[in-house]
Protein backbone atom coordinates (compact mmCIF):
# COMPACT_ATOMS: atom_id res chain seq x y z
CA MET A 1 2.98 4.80 22.14
CA GLU A 2 1.84 7.29 19.26
CA LYS A 3 -1.23 6.37 17.11
CA PHE A 4 -1.45 7.12 13.14
CA VAL A 5 -4.02 6.39 10.58
CA CYS A 6 -3.35 3.39 7.96
CA PRO A 7 -3.47 4.56 5.00
CA ILE A 8 -4.29 1.51 3.56
CA CYS A 9 -7.35 0.26 6.05
CA ASN A 10 -8.06 3.93 7.88
CA CYS A 11 -7.33 2.55 11.15
CA GLU A 12 -5.70 4.60 14.06
CA VAL A 13 -3.17 2.04 14.94
CA ASP A 14 -0.02 2.36 17.04
CA ASP A 15 3.10 3.25 15.54
CA SER A 16 5.15 0.23 16.68
CA ILE A 17 3.48 -0.77 13.08
CA ILE A 18 5.32 1.11 11.09
CA PRO A 19 8.10 -1.32 9.94
CA TYR A 20 5.28 -3.73 8.94
CA HIS A 21 3.89 -0.68 7.56
CA LYS A 22 6.75 0.15 4.99
CA ARG A 23 6.97 -3.76 4.01
CA VAL A 24 2.99 -3.74 2.82
CA GLU A 25 3.89 -0.56 0.55
CA GLN A 26 6.41 -1.79 -0.98
CA GLN A 27 4.45 -5.23 -1.79
CA ILE A 28 1.89 -2.82 -3.49
CA LEU A 29 4.64 -1.48 -5.97
CA GLU A 30 5.56 -5.10 -6.44
CA ALA A 31 1.64 -6.05 -7.15
CA ILE A 32 1.79 -3.31 -9.69
CA GLN A 33 5.12 -3.39 -11.17
CA LYS A 34 4.10 -7.65 -11.71
CA THR A 35 0.77 -6.95 -13.32
CA ILE A 36 1.93 -3.65 -15.44
CA PRO A 37 6.43 -4.27 -15.75
CA ARG A 38 6.30 -0.61 -17.49
CA TRP A 39 4.50 1.03 -14.88
CA TYR A 40 6.63 3.32 -12.82
CA ASP A 41 6.40 4.71 -9.38
CA GLY A 42 5.81 8.41 -9.36
CA GLU A 43 3.17 10.87 -8.48
CA THR A 44 0.79 10.75 -12.11
CA ASN A 45 0.84 7.00 -10.53
CA LYS A 46 -1.40 7.72 -7.41
CA LYS A 47 -4.74 6.18 -8.59
CA CYS A 48 -2.64 2.64 -9.41
CA ILE A 49 -1.23 2.58 -6.08
CA ASP A 50 -4.86 3.67 -4.46
CA TYR A 51 -6.39 1.01 -6.69
CA TYR A 52 -3.85 -1.38 -5.77
CA ARG A 53 -3.94 -0.77 -1.69
CA ALA A 54 -7.80 -1.17 -2.15
CA LEU A 55 -7.21 -4.79 -4.12
CA ILE A 56 -4.96 -5.57 -1.29
CA ALA A 57 -7.25 -4.80 1.80
CA ASN A 58 -9.83 -6.51 -0.01
CA LYS A 59 -7.99 -9.35 -0.44
CA THR A 60 -8.39 -9.44 -3.92
CA ILE A 61 -4.94 -9.80 -4.72
CA LYS A 62 -2.06 -11.36 -2.16
């Protein structure tokens, strides 16, 4: 198995969790859109994605 660094928790993990990672990424985008309905996924919104990743990683939101 290959290893990669998770962008959410910064831990080295097996590539077997990639399908779960994609689901988490979708949950992050959905959390942003739920809070900010007019938000759109784009390079200009990287700060938003990073912010919500941190909230989810710290279990501040689900």
